[in-house]
Amino acid sequence: MNKKFPAGEYGVPVALIIGKRKESTDKKTSLNEALREFNVEG
């Protein structure tokens, strides 16, 4: 399935979710990175 974007037309075989990233998302991902870095398992 082709999808037109401002940068061109691309074949998109999967669902593509485009949105703005929230500050809370950055906090969650930085926490995950820190847990991986220190080998902390939940």
Protein backbone atom coordinates (compact mmCIF):
# COMPACT_ATOMS: atom_id res chain seq x y z
CA MET A 1 0.00 0.00 0.00
CA ASN A 2 1.48 3.35 -1.00
CA LYS A 3 1.13 6.35 1.26
CA LYS A 4 1.89 9.94 0.30
CA PHE A 5 3.93 12.07 2.70
CA PRO A 6 5.40 15.57 2.30
CA ALA A 7 8.81 13.89 1.73
CA GLY A 8 7.48 11.58 -1.00
CA GLU A 9 5.46 8.44 -1.60
CA TYR A 10 6.38 5.26 0.23
CA GLY A 11 5.16 1.69 0.33
CA VAL A 12 3.75 1.04 3.81
CA PRO A 13 3.18 -2.67 4.51
CA VAL A 14 2.25 -2.13 8.18
CA ALA A 15 0.29 0.31 10.30
CA LEU A 16 2.25 3.53 10.64
CA ILE A 17 1.56 5.74 13.64
CA ILE A 18 2.88 9.27 13.39
CA GLY A 19 2.52 11.66 16.27
CA LYS A 20 4.33 14.02 18.55
CA ARG A 21 6.43 12.57 21.31
CA LYS A 22 5.54 13.67 24.83
CA GLU A 23 7.99 14.51 27.60
CA SER A 24 6.54 11.60 29.63
CA THR A 25 7.55 9.21 26.83
CA ASP A 26 11.14 10.47 27.01
CA LYS A 27 11.16 9.87 30.77
CA LYS A 28 9.92 6.29 30.33
CA THR A 29 12.45 5.47 27.64
CA SER A 30 15.33 6.98 29.63
CA LEU A 31 14.30 4.85 32.63
CA ASN A 32 14.25 1.73 30.46
CA GLU A 33 17.73 2.56 29.13
CA ALA A 34 19.08 3.01 32.67
CA LEU A 35 17.55 -0.29 33.81
CA ARG A 36 19.16 -2.10 30.85
CA GLU A 37 22.51 -0.40 31.44
CA PHE A 38 22.62 -1.60 35.05
CA ASN A 39 21.10 -5.04 34.25
CA VAL A 40 18.09 -4.49 36.51
CA GLU A 41 15.28 -7.01 35.93
CA GLY A 42 11.69 -6.47 36.97
